[in-house]
């Protein structure tokens, strides 16, 4: 719930998010570190 309002208003479209996720799934990611707020490990 701390992420959803921001993303609904600031991100452009679900299509863009799906294209991004497909690209990122090709990487070996251990940590996602945003510029605002908490990170995922």
ModelCIF file with pLDDT and N, C-alpha, C, O atoms, coordinates in Angstrom:
data_MODEL
#
_entry.id   MODEL 
#
_entity.id                         1 
_entity.type                       polymer 
_entity.pdbx_number_of_molecules   1 
#
_entity_poly.entity_id                      1 
_entity_poly.type                           'polypeptide(L)' 
_entity_poly.nstd_linkage                   no 
_entity_poly.nstd_monomer                   no 
_entity_poly.pdbx_seq_one_letter_code       
;(UNK)(UNK)(UNK)(UNK)(UNK)(UNK)(UNK)(UNK)(UNK)(UNK)(UNK)(UNK)(UNK)(UNK)(UNK)(UNK)
(UNK)(UNK)(UNK)(UNK)(UNK)(UNK)(UNK)(UNK)(UNK)(UNK)(UNK)(UNK)(UNK)(UNK)(UNK)(UNK)
(UNK)(UNK)(UNK)(UNK)(UNK)(UNK)(UNK)(UNK)(UNK)
;
_entity_poly.pdbx_seq_one_letter_code_can   XXXXXXXXXXXXXXXXXXXXXXXXXXXXXXXXXXXXXXXXX 
_entity_poly.pdbx_strand_id                 A 
#
loop_
_entity_poly_seq.entity_id 
_entity_poly_seq.num 
_entity_poly_seq.mon_id 
_entity_poly_seq.hetero 
1 1  UNK n 
1 2  UNK n 
1 3  UNK n 
1 4  UNK n 
1 5  UNK n 
1 6  UNK n 
1 7  UNK n 
1 8  UNK n 
1 9  UNK n 
1 10 UNK n 
1 11 UNK n 
1 12 UNK n 
1 13 UNK n 
1 14 UNK n 
1 15 UNK n 
1 16 UNK n 
1 17 UNK n 
1 18 UNK n 
1 19 UNK n 
1 20 UNK n 
1 21 UNK n 
1 22 UNK n 
1 23 UNK n 
1 24 UNK n 
1 25 UNK n 
1 26 UNK n 
1 27 UNK n 
1 28 UNK n 
1 29 UNK n 
1 30 UNK n 
1 31 UNK n 
1 32 UNK n 
1 33 UNK n 
1 34 UNK n 
1 35 UNK n 
1 36 UNK n 
1 37 UNK n 
1 38 UNK n 
1 39 UNK n 
1 40 UNK n 
1 41 UNK n 
#
_struct_asym.id          A 
_struct_asym.entity_id   1 
#
loop_
_ma_qa_metric.id 
_ma_qa_metric.mode 
_ma_qa_metric.name 
_ma_qa_metric.software_group_id 
_ma_qa_metric.type 
1 global pLDDT . pLDDT 
2 local  pLDDT . pLDDT 
#
_ma_qa_metric_global.metric_id      1 
_ma_qa_metric_global.metric_value   96.95 
_ma_qa_metric_global.model_id       1 
_ma_qa_metric_global.ordinal_id     1 
#
loop_
_ma_qa_metric_local.label_asym_id 
_ma_qa_metric_local.label_comp_id 
_ma_qa_metric_local.label_seq_id 
_ma_qa_metric_local.metric_id 
_ma_qa_metric_local.metric_value 
_ma_qa_metric_local.model_id 
_ma_qa_metric_local.ordinal_id 
A UNK 1  2 96.00 1 1  
A UNK 2  2 96.00 1 2  
A UNK 3  2 97.00 1 3  
A UNK 4  2 96.00 1 4  
A UNK 5  2 95.00 1 5  
A UNK 6  2 96.00 1 6  
A UNK 7  2 97.00 1 7  
A UNK 8  2 96.00 1 8  
A UNK 9  2 96.00 1 9  
A UNK 10 2 97.00 1 10 
A UNK 11 2 97.00 1 11 
A UNK 12 2 97.00 1 12 
A UNK 13 2 96.00 1 13 
A UNK 14 2 97.00 1 14 
A UNK 15 2 97.00 1 15 
A UNK 16 2 97.00 1 16 
A UNK 17 2 98.00 1 17 
A UNK 18 2 98.00 1 18 
A UNK 19 2 98.00 1 19 
A UNK 20 2 98.00 1 20 
A UNK 21 2 98.00 1 21 
A UNK 22 2 97.00 1 22 
A UNK 23 2 98.00 1 23 
A UNK 24 2 98.00 1 24 
A UNK 25 2 97.00 1 25 
A UNK 26 2 97.00 1 26 
A UNK 27 2 98.00 1 27 
A UNK 28 2 98.00 1 28 
A UNK 29 2 98.00 1 29 
A UNK 30 2 98.00 1 30 
A UNK 31 2 98.00 1 31 
A UNK 32 2 98.00 1 32 
A UNK 33 2 98.00 1 33 
A UNK 34 2 97.00 1 34 
A UNK 35 2 95.00 1 35 
A UNK 36 2 94.00 1 36 
A UNK 37 2 94.00 1 37 
A UNK 38 2 96.00 1 38 
A UNK 39 2 97.00 1 39 
A UNK 40 2 98.00 1 40 
A UNK 41 2 98.00 1 41 
#
loop_
_atom_site.group_PDB 
_atom_site.id 
_atom_site.type_symbol 
_atom_site.label_atom_id 
_atom_site.label_alt_id 
_atom_site.label_comp_id 
_atom_site.label_asym_id 
_atom_site.label_entity_id 
_atom_site.label_seq_id 
_atom_site.pdbx_PDB_ins_code 
_atom_site.Cartn_x 
_atom_site.Cartn_y 
_atom_site.Cartn_z 
_atom_site.occupancy 
_atom_site.B_iso_or_equiv 
_atom_site.pdbx_formal_charge 
_atom_site.auth_seq_id 
_atom_site.auth_comp_id 
_atom_site.auth_asym_id 
_atom_site.auth_atom_id 
_atom_site.pdbx_PDB_model_num 
ATOM 1   N N  . UNK A 1 1  ? 0.798  -1.234  0.000   1.00 96.00 ? 1  UNK A N  1 
ATOM 2   C CA . UNK A 1 1  ? 0.000  0.000   0.000   1.00 96.00 ? 1  UNK A CA 1 
ATOM 3   C C  . UNK A 1 1  ? 0.826  1.277   0.000   1.00 96.00 ? 1  UNK A C  1 
ATOM 4   O O  . UNK A 1 1  ? 0.323  2.341   -0.360  1.00 96.00 ? 1  UNK A O  1 
ATOM 5   N N  . UNK A 1 2  ? 2.093  1.179   0.402   1.00 96.00 ? 2  UNK A N  1 
ATOM 6   C CA . UNK A 1 2  ? 2.956  2.361   0.393   1.00 96.00 ? 2  UNK A CA 1 
ATOM 7   C C  . UNK A 1 2  ? 3.484  2.667   -1.013  1.00 96.00 ? 2  UNK A C  1 
ATOM 8   O O  . UNK A 1 2  ? 4.020  3.749   -1.254  1.00 96.00 ? 2  UNK A O  1 
ATOM 9   N N  . UNK A 1 3  ? 3.333  1.720   -1.932  1.00 97.00 ? 3  UNK A N  1 
ATOM 10  C CA . UNK A 1 3  ? 3.814  1.910   -3.308  1.00 97.00 ? 3  UNK A CA 1 
ATOM 11  C C  . UNK A 1 3  ? 2.699  2.258   -4.288  1.00 97.00 ? 3  UNK A C  1 
ATOM 12  O O  . UNK A 1 3  ? 2.908  3.043   -5.214  1.00 97.00 ? 3  UNK A O  1 
ATOM 13  N N  . UNK A 1 4  ? 1.529  1.686   -4.094  1.00 96.00 ? 4  UNK A N  1 
ATOM 14  C CA . UNK A 1 4  ? 0.519  1.703   -5.145  1.00 96.00 ? 4  UNK A CA 1 
ATOM 15  C C  . UNK A 1 4  ? 0.033  3.100   -5.549  1.00 96.00 ? 4  UNK A C  1 
ATOM 16  O O  . UNK A 1 4  ? -0.046 3.367   -6.748  1.00 96.00 ? 4  UNK A O  1 
ATOM 17  N N  . UNK A 1 5  ? -0.301 4.014   -4.614  1.00 95.00 ? 5  UNK A N  1 
ATOM 18  C CA . UNK A 1 5  ? -0.770 5.335   -5.050  1.00 95.00 ? 5  UNK A CA 1 
ATOM 19  C C  . UNK A 1 5  ? 0.252  6.073   -5.917  1.00 95.00 ? 5  UNK A C  1 
ATOM 20  O O  . UNK A 1 5  ? -0.105 6.677   -6.928  1.00 95.00 ? 5  UNK A O  1 
ATOM 21  N N  . UNK A 1 6  ? 1.499  6.022   -5.523  1.00 96.00 ? 6  UNK A N  1 
ATOM 22  C CA . UNK A 1 6  ? 2.553  6.690   -6.297  1.00 96.00 ? 6  UNK A CA 1 
ATOM 23  C C  . UNK A 1 6  ? 2.631  6.113   -7.708  1.00 96.00 ? 6  UNK A C  1 
ATOM 24  O O  . UNK A 1 6  ? 2.667  6.865   -8.682  1.00 96.00 ? 6  UNK A O  1 
ATOM 25  N N  . UNK A 1 7  ? 2.657  4.799   -7.823  1.00 97.00 ? 7  UNK A N  1 
ATOM 26  C CA . UNK A 1 7  ? 2.814  4.182   -9.136  1.00 97.00 ? 7  UNK A CA 1 
ATOM 27  C C  . UNK A 1 7  ? 1.602  4.436   -10.033 1.00 97.00 ? 7  UNK A C  1 
ATOM 28  O O  . UNK A 1 7  ? 1.763  4.659   -11.232 1.00 97.00 ? 7  UNK A O  1 
ATOM 29  N N  . UNK A 1 8  ? 0.408  4.406   -9.477  1.00 96.00 ? 8  UNK A N  1 
ATOM 30  C CA . UNK A 1 8  ? -0.784 4.640   -10.301 1.00 96.00 ? 8  UNK A CA 1 
ATOM 31  C C  . UNK A 1 8  ? -0.757 6.023   -10.936 1.00 96.00 ? 8  UNK A C  1 
ATOM 32  O O  . UNK A 1 8  ? -1.228 6.205   -12.059 1.00 96.00 ? 8  UNK A O  1 
ATOM 33  N N  . UNK A 1 9  ? -0.211 6.988   -10.223 1.00 96.00 ? 9  UNK A N  1 
ATOM 34  C CA . UNK A 1 9  ? -0.229 8.363   -10.738 1.00 96.00 ? 9  UNK A CA 1 
ATOM 35  C C  . UNK A 1 9  ? 1.022  8.721   -11.533 1.00 96.00 ? 9  UNK A C  1 
ATOM 36  O O  . UNK A 1 9  ? 0.933  9.485   -12.495 1.00 96.00 ? 9  UNK A O  1 
ATOM 37  N N  . UNK A 1 10 ? 2.181  8.192   -11.161 1.00 97.00 ? 10 UNK A N  1 
ATOM 38  C CA . UNK A 1 10 ? 3.426  8.634   -11.774 1.00 97.00 ? 10 UNK A CA 1 
ATOM 39  C C  . UNK A 1 10 ? 3.900  7.753   -12.931 1.00 97.00 ? 10 UNK A C  1 
ATOM 40  O O  . UNK A 1 10 ? 4.588  8.251   -13.821 1.00 97.00 ? 10 UNK A O  1 
ATOM 41  N N  . UNK A 1 11 ? 3.561  6.480   -12.949 1.00 97.00 ? 11 UNK A N  1 
ATOM 42  C CA . UNK A 1 11 ? 3.986  5.616   -14.044 1.00 97.00 ? 11 UNK A CA 1 
ATOM 43  C C  . UNK A 1 11 ? 3.028  5.764   -15.222 1.00 97.00 ? 11 UNK A C  1 
ATOM 44  O O  . UNK A 1 11 ? 1.836  6.002   -15.029 1.00 97.00 ? 11 UNK A O  1 
ATOM 45  N N  . UNK A 1 12 ? 3.543  5.625   -16.435 1.00 97.00 ? 12 UNK A N  1 
ATOM 46  C CA . UNK A 1 12 ? 2.762  6.002   -17.613 1.00 97.00 ? 12 UNK A CA 1 
ATOM 47  C C  . UNK A 1 12 ? 1.706  4.984   -18.006 1.00 97.00 ? 12 UNK A C  1 
ATOM 48  O O  . UNK A 1 12 ? 0.573  5.358   -18.310 1.00 97.00 ? 12 UNK A O  1 
ATOM 49  N N  . UNK A 1 13 ? 2.058  3.692   -18.006 1.00 96.00 ? 13 UNK A N  1 
ATOM 50  C CA . UNK A 1 13 ? 1.104  2.691   -18.488 1.00 96.00 ? 13 UNK A CA 1 
ATOM 51  C C  . UNK A 1 13 ? 1.521  1.293   -18.070 1.00 96.00 ? 13 UNK A C  1 
ATOM 52  O O  . UNK A 1 13 ? 2.699  1.016   -17.845 1.00 96.00 ? 13 UNK A O  1 
ATOM 53  N N  . UNK A 1 14 ? 0.518  0.411   -17.971 1.00 97.00 ? 14 UNK A N  1 
ATOM 54  C CA . UNK A 1 14 ? 0.810  -0.988  -17.673 1.00 97.00 ? 14 UNK A CA 1 
ATOM 55  C C  . UNK A 1 14 ? 1.613  -1.651  -18.773 1.00 97.00 ? 14 UNK A C  1 
ATOM 56  O O  . UNK A 1 14 ? 2.430  -2.530  -18.499 1.00 97.00 ? 14 UNK A O  1 
ATOM 57  N N  . UNK A 1 15 ? 1.394  -1.244  -20.015 1.00 97.00 ? 15 UNK A N  1 
ATOM 58  C CA . UNK A 1 15 ? 2.150  -1.820  -21.133 1.00 97.00 ? 15 UNK A CA 1 
ATOM 59  C C  . UNK A 1 15 ? 3.650  -1.581  -20.953 1.00 97.00 ? 15 UNK A C  1 
ATOM 60  O O  . UNK A 1 15 ? 4.466  -2.471  -21.193 1.00 97.00 ? 15 UNK A O  1 
ATOM 61  N N  . UNK A 1 16 ? 3.993  -0.382  -20.534 1.00 97.00 ? 16 UNK A N  1 
ATOM 62  C CA . UNK A 1 16 ? 5.400  -0.060  -20.299 1.00 97.00 ? 16 UNK A CA 1 
ATOM 63  C C  . UNK A 1 16 ? 5.965  -0.912  -19.165 1.00 97.00 ? 16 UNK A C  1 
ATOM 64  O O  . UNK A 1 16 ? 7.087  -1.409  -19.266 1.00 97.00 ? 16 UNK A O  1 
ATOM 65  N N  . UNK A 1 17 ? 5.207  -1.083  -18.097 1.00 98.00 ? 17 UNK A N  1 
ATOM 66  C CA . UNK A 1 17 ? 5.665  -1.907  -16.977 1.00 98.00 ? 17 UNK A CA 1 
ATOM 67  C C  . UNK A 1 17 ? 5.870  -3.357  -17.397 1.00 98.00 ? 17 UNK A C  1 
ATOM 68  O O  . UNK A 1 17 ? 6.828  -3.995  -16.961 1.00 98.00 ? 17 UNK A O  1 
ATOM 69  N N  . UNK A 1 18 ? 4.985  -3.883  -18.236 1.00 98.00 ? 18 UNK A N  1 
ATOM 70  C CA . UNK A 1 18 ? 5.135  -5.272  -18.685 1.00 98.00 ? 18 UNK A CA 1 
ATOM 71  C C  . UNK A 1 18 ? 6.376  -5.441  -19.554 1.00 98.00 ? 18 UNK A C  1 
ATOM 72  O O  . UNK A 1 18 ? 7.086  -6.440  -19.438 1.00 98.00 ? 18 UNK A O  1 
ATOM 73  N N  . UNK A 1 19 ? 6.638  -4.471  -20.423 1.00 98.00 ? 19 UNK A N  1 
ATOM 74  C CA . UNK A 1 19 ? 7.846  -4.529  -21.252 1.00 98.00 ? 19 UNK A CA 1 
ATOM 75  C C  . UNK A 1 19 ? 9.095  -4.471  -20.382 1.00 98.00 ? 19 UNK A C  1 
ATOM 76  O O  . UNK A 1 19 ? 10.063 -5.194  -20.618 1.00 98.00 ? 19 UNK A O  1 
ATOM 77  N N  . UNK A 1 20 ? 9.062  -3.604  -19.374 1.00 98.00 ? 20 UNK A N  1 
ATOM 78  C CA . UNK A 1 20 ? 10.205 -3.493  -18.452 1.00 98.00 ? 20 UNK A CA 1 
ATOM 79  C C  . UNK A 1 20 ? 10.421 -4.798  -17.695 1.00 98.00 ? 20 UNK A C  1 
ATOM 80  O O  . UNK A 1 20 ? 11.553 -5.274  -17.602 1.00 98.00 ? 20 UNK A O  1 
ATOM 81  N N  . UNK A 1 21 ? 9.353  -5.388  -17.150 1.00 98.00 ? 21 UNK A N  1 
ATOM 82  C CA . UNK A 1 21 ? 9.486  -6.620  -16.369 1.00 98.00 ? 21 UNK A CA 1 
ATOM 83  C C  . UNK A 1 21 ? 10.034 -7.750  -17.220 1.00 98.00 ? 21 UNK A C  1 
ATOM 84  O O  . UNK A 1 21 ? 10.851 -8.538  -16.744 1.00 98.00 ? 21 UNK A O  1 
ATOM 85  N N  . UNK A 1 22 ? 9.598  -7.845  -18.476 1.00 97.00 ? 22 UNK A N  1 
ATOM 86  C CA . UNK A 1 22 ? 10.102 -8.884  -19.358 1.00 97.00 ? 22 UNK A CA 1 
ATOM 87  C C  . UNK A 1 22 ? 11.608 -8.727  -19.573 1.00 97.00 ? 22 UNK A C  1 
ATOM 88  O O  . UNK A 1 22 ? 12.343 -9.714  -19.588 1.00 97.00 ? 22 UNK A O  1 
ATOM 89  N N  . UNK A 1 23 ? 12.061 -7.493  -19.737 1.00 98.00 ? 23 UNK A N  1 
ATOM 90  C CA . UNK A 1 23 ? 13.493 -7.235  -19.901 1.00 98.00 ? 23 UNK A CA 1 
ATOM 91  C C  . UNK A 1 23 ? 14.267 -7.627  -18.643 1.00 98.00 ? 23 UNK A C  1 
ATOM 92  O O  . UNK A 1 23 ? 15.300 -8.292  -18.724 1.00 98.00 ? 23 UNK A O  1 
ATOM 93  N N  . UNK A 1 24 ? 13.764 -7.211  -17.484 1.00 98.00 ? 24 UNK A N  1 
ATOM 94  C CA . UNK A 1 24 ? 14.488 -7.413  -16.225 1.00 98.00 ? 24 UNK A CA 1 
ATOM 95  C C  . UNK A 1 24 ? 14.545 -8.895  -15.834 1.00 98.00 ? 24 UNK A C  1 
ATOM 96  O O  . UNK A 1 24 ? 15.487 -9.320  -15.165 1.00 98.00 ? 24 UNK A O  1 
ATOM 97  N N  . UNK A 1 25 ? 13.559 -9.670  -16.239 1.00 97.00 ? 25 UNK A N  1 
ATOM 98  C CA . UNK A 1 25 ? 13.583 -11.099 -15.917 1.00 97.00 ? 25 UNK A CA 1 
ATOM 99  C C  . UNK A 1 25 ? 14.759 -11.823 -16.564 1.00 97.00 ? 25 UNK A C  1 
ATOM 100 O O  . UNK A 1 25 ? 15.067 -12.957 -16.197 1.00 97.00 ? 25 UNK A O  1 
ATOM 101 N N  . UNK A 1 26 ? 15.410 -11.183 -17.514 1.00 97.00 ? 26 UNK A N  1 
ATOM 102 C CA . UNK A 1 26 ? 16.610 -11.751 -18.115 1.00 97.00 ? 26 UNK A CA 1 
ATOM 103 C C  . UNK A 1 26 ? 17.871 -11.492 -17.310 1.00 97.00 ? 26 UNK A C  1 
ATOM 104 O O  . UNK A 1 26 ? 18.956 -11.915 -17.710 1.00 97.00 ? 26 UNK A O  1 
ATOM 105 N N  . UNK A 1 27 ? 17.746 -10.801 -16.176 1.00 98.00 ? 27 UNK A N  1 
ATOM 106 C CA . UNK A 1 27 ? 18.894 -10.492 -15.314 1.00 98.00 ? 27 UNK A CA 1 
ATOM 107 C C  . UNK A 1 27 ? 18.845 -11.331 -14.041 1.00 98.00 ? 27 UNK A C  1 
ATOM 108 O O  . UNK A 1 27 ? 17.785 -11.814 -13.641 1.00 98.00 ? 27 UNK A O  1 
ATOM 109 N N  . UNK A 1 28 ? 19.984 -11.493 -13.425 1.00 98.00 ? 28 UNK A N  1 
ATOM 110 C CA . UNK A 1 28 ? 20.085 -12.156 -12.120 1.00 98.00 ? 28 UNK A CA 1 
ATOM 111 C C  . UNK A 1 28 ? 20.101 -11.057 -11.058 1.00 98.00 ? 28 UNK A C  1 
ATOM 112 O O  . UNK A 1 28 ? 21.143 -10.457 -10.796 1.00 98.00 ? 28 UNK A O  1 
ATOM 113 N N  . UNK A 1 29 ? 18.949 -10.797 -10.453 1.00 98.00 ? 29 UNK A N  1 
ATOM 114 C CA . UNK A 1 29 ? 18.795 -9.656  -9.533  1.00 98.00 ? 29 UNK A CA 1 
ATOM 115 C C  . UNK A 1 29 ? 18.638 -10.165 -8.106  1.00 98.00 ? 29 UNK A C  1 
ATOM 116 O O  . UNK A 1 29 ? 17.768 -10.991 -7.829  1.00 98.00 ? 29 UNK A O  1 
ATOM 117 N N  . UNK A 1 30 ? 19.474 -9.676  -7.208  1.00 98.00 ? 30 UNK A N  1 
ATOM 118 C CA . UNK A 1 30 ? 19.395 -10.011 -5.783  1.00 98.00 ? 30 UNK A CA 1 
ATOM 119 C C  . UNK A 1 30 ? 18.782 -8.885  -4.963  1.00 98.00 ? 30 UNK A C  1 
ATOM 120 O O  . UNK A 1 30 ? 18.179 -9.123  -3.917  1.00 98.00 ? 30 UNK A O  1 
ATOM 121 N N  . UNK A 1 31 ? 18.944 -7.646  -5.451  1.00 98.00 ? 31 UNK A N  1 
ATOM 122 C CA . UNK A 1 31 ? 18.406 -6.486  -4.735  1.00 98.00 ? 31 UNK A CA 1 
ATOM 123 C C  . UNK A 1 31 ? 17.804 -5.522  -5.739  1.00 98.00 ? 31 UNK A C  1 
ATOM 124 O O  . UNK A 1 31 ? 18.410 -5.236  -6.772  1.00 98.00 ? 31 UNK A O  1 
ATOM 125 N N  . UNK A 1 32 ? 16.617 -5.022  -5.442  1.00 98.00 ? 32 UNK A N  1 
ATOM 126 C CA . UNK A 1 32 ? 16.021 -3.904  -6.167  1.00 98.00 ? 32 UNK A CA 1 
ATOM 127 C C  . UNK A 1 32 ? 16.097 -2.692  -5.249  1.00 98.00 ? 32 UNK A C  1 
ATOM 128 O O  . UNK A 1 32 ? 15.541 -2.696  -4.151  1.00 98.00 ? 32 UNK A O  1 
ATOM 129 N N  . UNK A 1 33 ? 16.788 -1.660  -5.706  1.00 98.00 ? 33 UNK A N  1 
ATOM 130 C CA . UNK A 1 33 ? 17.044 -0.484  -4.868  1.00 98.00 ? 33 UNK A CA 1 
ATOM 131 C C  . UNK A 1 33 ? 16.462 0.766   -5.530  1.00 98.00 ? 33 UNK A C  1 
ATOM 132 O O  . UNK A 1 33 ? 17.079 1.319   -6.439  1.00 98.00 ? 33 UNK A O  1 
ATOM 133 N N  . UNK A 1 34 ? 15.279 1.222   -5.088  1.00 97.00 ? 34 UNK A N  1 
ATOM 134 C CA . UNK A 1 34 ? 14.685 2.443   -5.642  1.00 97.00 ? 34 UNK A CA 1 
ATOM 135 C C  . UNK A 1 34 ? 15.360 3.708   -5.092  1.00 97.00 ? 34 UNK A C  1 
ATOM 136 O O  . UNK A 1 34 ? 16.139 3.666   -4.140  1.00 97.00 ? 34 UNK A O  1 
ATOM 137 N N  . UNK A 1 35 ? 15.025 4.829   -5.734  1.00 95.00 ? 35 UNK A N  1 
ATOM 138 C CA . UNK A 1 35 ? 15.563 6.110   -5.266  1.00 95.00 ? 35 UNK A CA 1 
ATOM 139 C C  . UNK A 1 35 ? 14.769 6.671   -4.089  1.00 95.00 ? 35 UNK A C  1 
ATOM 140 O O  . UNK A 1 35 ? 15.273 7.517   -3.350  1.00 95.00 ? 35 UNK A O  1 
ATOM 141 N N  . UNK A 1 36 ? 13.542 6.211   -3.910  1.00 94.00 ? 36 UNK A N  1 
ATOM 142 C CA . UNK A 1 36 ? 12.712 6.669   -2.798  1.00 94.00 ? 36 UNK A CA 1 
ATOM 143 C C  . UNK A 1 36 ? 12.227 5.457   -2.007  1.00 94.00 ? 36 UNK A C  1 
ATOM 144 O O  . UNK A 1 36 ? 11.684 4.512   -2.580  1.00 94.00 ? 36 UNK A O  1 
ATOM 145 N N  . UNK A 1 37 ? 12.424 5.488   -0.697  1.00 94.00 ? 37 UNK A N  1 
ATOM 146 C CA . UNK A 1 37 ? 11.862 4.446   0.146   1.00 94.00 ? 37 UNK A CA 1 
ATOM 147 C C  . UNK A 1 37 ? 12.729 3.208   0.286   1.00 94.00 ? 37 UNK A C  1 
ATOM 148 O O  . UNK A 1 37 ? 13.938 3.247   0.056   1.00 94.00 ? 37 UNK A O  1 
ATOM 149 N N  . UNK A 1 38 ? 12.086 2.103   0.668   1.00 96.00 ? 38 UNK A N  1 
ATOM 150 C CA . UNK A 1 38 ? 12.785 0.882   1.069   1.00 96.00 ? 38 UNK A CA 1 
ATOM 151 C C  . UNK A 1 38 ? 13.190 0.025   -0.123  1.00 96.00 ? 38 UNK A C  1 
ATOM 152 O O  . UNK A 1 38 ? 12.573 0.086   -1.187  1.00 96.00 ? 38 UNK A O  1 
ATOM 153 N N  . UNK A 1 39 ? 14.236 -0.775  0.069   1.00 97.00 ? 39 UNK A N  1 
ATOM 154 C CA . UNK A 1 39 ? 14.728 -1.663  -0.982  1.00 97.00 ? 39 UNK A CA 1 
ATOM 155 C C  . UNK A 1 39 ? 14.280 -3.101  -0.729  1.00 97.00 ? 39 UNK A C  1 
ATOM 156 O O  . UNK A 1 39 ? 13.878 -3.454  0.380   1.00 97.00 ? 39 UNK A O  1 
ATOM 157 N N  . UNK A 1 40 ? 14.356 -3.921  -1.775  1.00 98.00 ? 40 UNK A N  1 
ATOM 158 C CA . UNK A 1 40 ? 13.959 -5.332  -1.732  1.00 98.00 ? 40 UNK A CA 1 
ATOM 159 C C  . UNK A 1 40 ? 15.213 -6.193  -1.861  1.00 98.00 ? 40 UNK A C  1 
ATOM 160 O O  . UNK A 1 40 ? 16.016 -6.002  -2.774  1.00 98.00 ? 40 UNK A O  1 
ATOM 161 N N  . UNK A 1 41 ? 15.374 -7.145  -0.936  1.00 98.00 ? 41 UNK A N  1 
ATOM 162 C CA . UNK A 1 41 ? 16.544 -8.022  -0.971  1.00 98.00 ? 41 UNK A CA 1 
ATOM 163 C C  . UNK A 1 41 ? 16.090 -9.486  -1.052  1.00 98.00 ? 41 UNK A C  1 
ATOM 164 O O  . UNK A 1 41 ? 16.924 -10.390 -1.092  1.00 98.00 ? 41 UNK A O  1 
#
